[in-house]
N, C-alpha and C. Protein backbone atom coordinates (compact mmCIF):
# COMPACT_ATOMS: atom_id res chain seq x y z
N MET A 1 -37.30 -25.05 44.54
CA MET A 1 -37.06 -26.11 44.18
C MET A 1 -36.69 -27.54 44.86
N THR A 2 -37.14 -28.20 43.82
CA THR A 2 -37.92 -29.26 43.82
C THR A 2 -36.40 -30.42 43.39
N VAL A 3 -35.70 -31.27 44.17
CA VAL A 3 -34.45 -31.80 43.87
C VAL A 3 -34.77 -33.48 44.04
N GLU A 4 -34.65 -33.79 42.64
CA GLU A 4 -34.91 -35.83 43.16
C GLU A 4 -34.16 -36.21 42.58
N ILE A 5 -32.85 -37.51 42.69
CA ILE A 5 -32.28 -38.33 41.85
C ILE A 5 -32.55 -38.98 41.95
N THR A 6 -32.58 -39.99 40.84
CA THR A 6 -33.13 -41.51 40.73
C THR A 6 -32.69 -42.33 39.61
N HIS A 7 -32.17 -43.65 39.52
CA HIS A 7 -31.99 -44.55 39.58
C HIS A 7 -32.97 -45.08 38.57
N ASP A 8 -32.80 -45.09 36.43
CA ASP A 8 -33.11 -45.85 35.94
C ASP A 8 -32.15 -47.39 35.80
N ASN A 9 -32.80 -47.98 36.30
CA ASN A 9 -32.52 -49.58 36.41
C ASN A 9 -31.80 -50.25 34.65
N ALA A 10 -33.22 -49.60 33.74
CA ALA A 10 -33.33 -50.18 32.41
C ALA A 10 -32.60 -49.36 31.24
N ASP A 11 -32.06 -48.63 32.24
CA ASP A 11 -30.98 -47.47 31.46
C ASP A 11 -29.87 -47.22 31.55
N HIS A 12 -29.87 -47.62 32.16
CA HIS A 12 -27.91 -47.54 32.40
C HIS A 12 -28.46 -46.24 33.32
N ARG A 13 -28.61 -45.71 33.95
CA ARG A 13 -28.51 -44.19 34.17
C ARG A 13 -29.15 -44.00 35.44
N PHE A 14 -27.99 -42.59 35.56
CA PHE A 14 -29.16 -42.20 37.29
C PHE A 14 -29.67 -41.02 37.00
N GLU A 15 -30.76 -40.68 37.29
CA GLU A 15 -31.15 -38.78 37.04
C GLU A 15 -30.94 -37.42 37.79
N ILE A 16 -31.56 -37.12 37.25
CA ILE A 16 -32.08 -35.94 39.16
C ILE A 16 -33.17 -34.85 38.32
N TYR A 17 -33.37 -35.09 38.40
CA TYR A 17 -34.85 -33.59 38.30
C TYR A 17 -34.89 -32.54 38.87
N VAL A 18 -35.15 -31.16 38.44
CA VAL A 18 -35.50 -29.81 39.22
C VAL A 18 -37.17 -29.37 39.08
N ASP A 19 -37.73 -29.91 40.45
CA ASP A 19 -39.44 -29.67 39.71
C ASP A 19 -39.80 -30.36 38.95
N ALA A 20 -40.02 -31.10 39.04
CA ALA A 20 -39.94 -32.26 38.07
C ALA A 20 -39.83 -32.49 36.77
N GLU A 21 -38.55 -32.00 35.97
CA GLU A 21 -38.13 -31.65 34.88
C GLU A 21 -36.45 -32.42 34.74
N LEU A 22 -36.47 -32.63 34.17
CA LEU A 22 -35.19 -33.90 34.06
C LEU A 22 -33.58 -32.43 33.70
N ALA A 23 -33.21 -32.86 34.54
CA ALA A 23 -31.94 -31.36 34.69
C ALA A 23 -31.39 -31.94 34.04
N GLY A 24 -30.31 -32.84 34.25
CA GLY A 24 -28.59 -34.18 33.94
C GLY A 24 -29.36 -35.52 33.78
N TYR A 25 -28.62 -36.23 33.66
CA TYR A 25 -28.10 -37.31 33.96
C TYR A 25 -26.84 -38.11 33.91
N SER A 26 -26.04 -39.80 34.34
CA SER A 26 -24.64 -40.06 34.03
C SER A 26 -24.71 -41.70 34.19
N GLU A 27 -25.01 -41.74 32.67
CA GLU A 27 -24.31 -43.27 32.19
C GLU A 27 -23.67 -43.71 33.00
N TYR A 28 -23.69 -45.21 32.66
CA TYR A 28 -22.98 -46.33 33.36
C TYR A 28 -23.30 -47.98 33.01
N LEU A 29 -22.39 -48.80 31.84
CA LEU A 29 -22.57 -49.39 31.73
C LEU A 29 -21.90 -49.96 33.09
N GLU A 30 -22.68 -51.14 33.44
CA GLU A 30 -22.36 -52.65 34.30
C GLU A 30 -21.94 -54.06 34.62
N SER A 31 -20.86 -54.33 34.32
CA SER A 31 -20.19 -55.51 33.85
C SER A 31 -18.90 -56.30 34.82
N ASP A 32 -19.40 -57.66 35.05
CA ASP A 32 -18.25 -57.39 36.01
C ASP A 32 -17.93 -57.59 37.10
N GLY A 33 -19.46 -56.32 37.78
CA GLY A 33 -19.08 -56.26 39.89
C GLY A 33 -18.39 -54.42 39.38
N SER A 34 -18.52 -54.77 37.47
CA SER A 34 -18.43 -52.90 38.23
C SER A 34 -19.84 -51.79 37.33
N ARG A 35 -18.75 -50.91 38.30
CA ARG A 35 -20.03 -49.84 36.91
C ARG A 35 -19.10 -49.41 36.07
N THR A 36 -18.72 -48.65 34.33
CA THR A 36 -18.38 -47.77 33.68
C THR A 36 -18.75 -46.98 34.27
N PHE A 37 -18.12 -45.91 34.26
CA PHE A 37 -19.61 -44.45 33.94
C PHE A 37 -19.12 -43.19 32.82
N HIS A 38 -19.73 -43.11 31.89
CA HIS A 38 -18.60 -43.17 29.91
C HIS A 38 -19.15 -41.80 30.46
N HIS A 39 -20.25 -41.13 30.36
CA HIS A 39 -21.00 -39.91 30.23
C HIS A 39 -22.11 -39.56 31.89
N THR A 40 -21.71 -38.30 32.00
CA THR A 40 -23.02 -37.39 32.69
C THR A 40 -23.01 -36.49 32.14
N VAL A 41 -23.72 -35.74 31.96
CA VAL A 41 -25.18 -34.57 30.97
C VAL A 41 -25.18 -33.24 32.28
N THR A 42 -25.54 -32.59 31.90
CA THR A 42 -25.84 -31.32 33.15
C THR A 42 -27.02 -30.98 31.49
N LEU A 43 -28.14 -30.35 31.55
CA LEU A 43 -28.20 -29.46 30.71
C LEU A 43 -28.32 -28.80 30.85
N PRO A 44 -28.33 -27.55 29.48
CA PRO A 44 -27.99 -26.41 29.78
C PRO A 44 -28.34 -25.09 30.71
N GLN A 45 -30.23 -25.49 30.27
CA GLN A 45 -30.53 -24.05 31.59
C GLN A 45 -30.11 -24.77 33.14
N PHE A 46 -30.04 -26.03 33.53
CA PHE A 46 -29.44 -26.14 34.57
C PHE A 46 -28.35 -25.79 35.09
N ARG A 47 -27.03 -25.82 35.13
CA ARG A 47 -25.88 -25.14 34.46
C ARG A 47 -25.37 -24.38 35.53
N GLY A 48 -24.12 -24.46 36.91
CA GLY A 48 -24.00 -23.47 37.76
C GLY A 48 -24.46 -24.20 38.27
N ARG A 49 -25.07 -25.28 39.16
CA ARG A 49 -26.46 -26.02 40.84
C ARG A 49 -26.05 -26.66 40.90
N GLY A 50 -24.20 -27.14 40.81
CA GLY A 50 -24.32 -28.09 41.19
C GLY A 50 -24.76 -29.51 41.07
N LEU A 51 -24.80 -29.62 40.10
CA LEU A 51 -26.66 -30.99 40.07
C LEU A 51 -25.58 -32.10 39.22
N ALA A 52 -24.52 -31.84 39.03
CA ALA A 52 -23.76 -32.83 38.08
C ALA A 52 -23.08 -33.80 39.79
N ALA A 53 -22.05 -32.65 40.71
CA ALA A 53 -22.14 -33.01 41.63
C ALA A 53 -23.18 -33.76 42.69
N ALA A 54 -24.34 -33.47 42.55
CA ALA A 54 -25.40 -33.98 43.41
C ALA A 54 -24.95 -35.48 43.07
N LEU A 55 -25.42 -35.36 41.95
CA LEU A 55 -25.63 -36.40 40.99
C LEU A 55 -24.80 -37.57 40.54
N THR A 56 -23.79 -37.10 41.82
CA THR A 56 -22.55 -38.00 40.71
C THR A 56 -22.41 -38.62 42.19
N GLU A 57 -21.78 -37.51 43.36
CA GLU A 57 -22.26 -38.35 44.28
C GLU A 57 -23.28 -39.41 45.14
N TYR A 58 -24.44 -39.68 44.75
CA TYR A 58 -25.90 -40.49 44.31
C TYR A 58 -25.25 -41.64 44.06
N ALA A 59 -25.28 -41.84 42.39
CA ALA A 59 -24.36 -42.36 41.30
C ALA A 59 -23.62 -43.50 42.95
N LEU A 60 -22.24 -42.14 43.26
CA LEU A 60 -21.35 -42.80 43.77
C LEU A 60 -21.10 -44.23 45.02
N ASP A 61 -22.79 -43.46 45.33
CA ASP A 61 -22.81 -43.73 46.82
C ASP A 61 -24.28 -45.27 46.50
N ASP A 62 -24.94 -44.61 45.88
CA ASP A 62 -25.31 -46.14 45.46
C ASP A 62 -24.71 -47.89 44.88
N THR A 63 -23.23 -46.84 44.11
CA THR A 63 -22.30 -47.80 43.60
C THR A 63 -22.16 -49.15 44.38
N SER A 64 -21.26 -48.20 45.53
CA SER A 64 -20.66 -48.60 46.81
C SER A 64 -21.48 -49.44 47.73
N THR A 65 -22.98 -48.87 47.68
CA THR A 65 -23.89 -49.90 48.97
C THR A 65 -24.27 -51.08 47.41
N GLN A 66 -23.78 -51.23 46.72
CA GLN A 66 -24.87 -52.67 45.02
C GLN A 66 -22.85 -53.16 45.75
N GLY A 67 -22.09 -53.02 46.64
CA GLY A 67 -20.88 -53.60 45.99
C GLY A 67 -20.44 -53.54 44.75
N LEU A 68 -20.54 -52.61 43.94
CA LEU A 68 -20.34 -52.63 42.75
C LEU A 68 -18.48 -51.98 43.17
N ARG A 69 -17.91 -52.60 42.23
CA ARG A 69 -16.25 -51.18 42.08
C ARG A 69 -16.86 -50.09 40.51
N VAL A 70 -15.36 -49.11 40.04
CA VAL A 70 -16.09 -47.72 39.50
C VAL A 70 -15.49 -47.62 38.42
N VAL A 71 -15.15 -47.54 37.42
CA VAL A 71 -14.13 -47.25 36.35
C VAL A 71 -14.74 -46.36 35.67
N PRO A 72 -14.05 -44.89 36.25
CA PRO A 72 -14.76 -43.55 35.92
C PRO A 72 -14.55 -43.19 34.44
N THR A 73 -14.25 -43.80 33.18
CA THR A 73 -14.23 -42.75 32.06
C THR A 73 -14.91 -42.11 31.77
N CYS A 74 -15.37 -41.31 32.25
CA CYS A 74 -16.15 -39.54 32.30
C CYS A 74 -15.24 -39.43 32.66
N TRP A 75 -14.97 -37.96 32.21
CA TRP A 75 -14.18 -36.95 33.40
C TRP A 75 -14.53 -36.04 34.01
N PHE A 76 -15.76 -36.12 33.82
CA PHE A 76 -17.10 -35.33 36.02
C PHE A 76 -16.22 -36.63 36.69
N VAL A 77 -17.28 -37.89 36.84
CA VAL A 77 -16.51 -38.65 37.63
C VAL A 77 -15.69 -39.32 38.10
N ARG A 78 -14.30 -39.02 37.29
CA ARG A 78 -12.73 -39.09 37.57
C ARG A 78 -12.28 -37.50 38.37
N ASP A 79 -13.06 -36.77 37.45
CA ASP A 79 -12.65 -35.10 38.54
C ASP A 79 -13.07 -35.86 39.69
N PHE A 80 -13.65 -35.73 39.81
CA PHE A 80 -15.02 -35.64 41.51
C PHE A 80 -14.79 -36.05 42.53
N ILE A 81 -14.30 -37.88 41.63
CA ILE A 81 -13.59 -39.40 42.85
C ILE A 81 -12.00 -38.71 43.18
N ALA A 82 -10.58 -37.81 42.18
CA ALA A 82 -10.31 -37.29 42.63
C ALA A 82 -10.41 -36.59 43.90
N ALA A 83 -11.21 -35.47 43.28
CA ALA A 83 -11.25 -33.65 44.48
C ALA A 83 -11.65 -34.36 45.84
N ALA A 84 -12.37 -35.90 46.13
CA ALA A 84 -12.78 -36.21 46.87
C ALA A 84 -12.15 -37.00 48.05
N GLY A 85 -11.05 -36.89 47.80
CA GLY A 85 -9.72 -37.50 49.06
C GLY A 85 -10.38 -38.99 48.36
N ASP A 86 -10.72 -39.69 50.09
CA ASP A 86 -10.83 -40.72 49.89
C ASP A 86 -11.85 -41.72 50.12
N ARG A 87 -13.07 -40.56 50.08
CA ARG A 87 -14.04 -40.68 50.26
C ARG A 87 -14.53 -41.53 49.28
N TYR A 88 -14.34 -41.97 48.16
CA TYR A 88 -14.69 -42.83 46.64
C TYR A 88 -13.56 -43.61 46.59
N SER A 89 -12.17 -43.59 46.71
CA SER A 89 -10.70 -44.50 45.45
C SER A 89 -10.90 -45.43 45.59
N HIS A 90 -11.69 -45.95 47.31
CA HIS A 90 -11.41 -47.49 47.06
C HIS A 90 -12.60 -47.91 46.18
N LEU A 91 -13.86 -47.44 45.24
CA LEU A 91 -14.64 -47.77 44.24
C LEU A 91 -13.64 -48.37 43.48
N VAL A 92 -12.56 -47.23 42.42
CA VAL A 92 -12.04 -47.41 41.58
C VAL A 92 -11.14 -48.73 40.94
N GLU A 93 -11.79 -49.44 40.51
CA GLU A 93 -11.10 -50.43 39.43
C GLU A 93 -9.58 -49.66 39.54
N PRO A 94 -8.70 -50.95 39.47
CA PRO A 94 -6.86 -50.79 39.64
C PRO A 94 -6.80 -50.84 38.44
């Protein structure tokens, strides 16, 4: 199984592929130095493999590298940040 994660700047989303097939994505809006992550999806046939977590980790790492803040309106991203302890808490908009 080959997993690849990409950033589609034009569509404002991060995508995860398994063996070149779209397996999920995380959509965001970018404004005023922050990314509002509002929707994360893992397609049904790919669920239960930890792909959403890998995708979210990649998206948050990229957001940090870009010097942007995070507004986690998506429940999965919000819960992922909470479970990661201090690793991403500094990115969250107050």
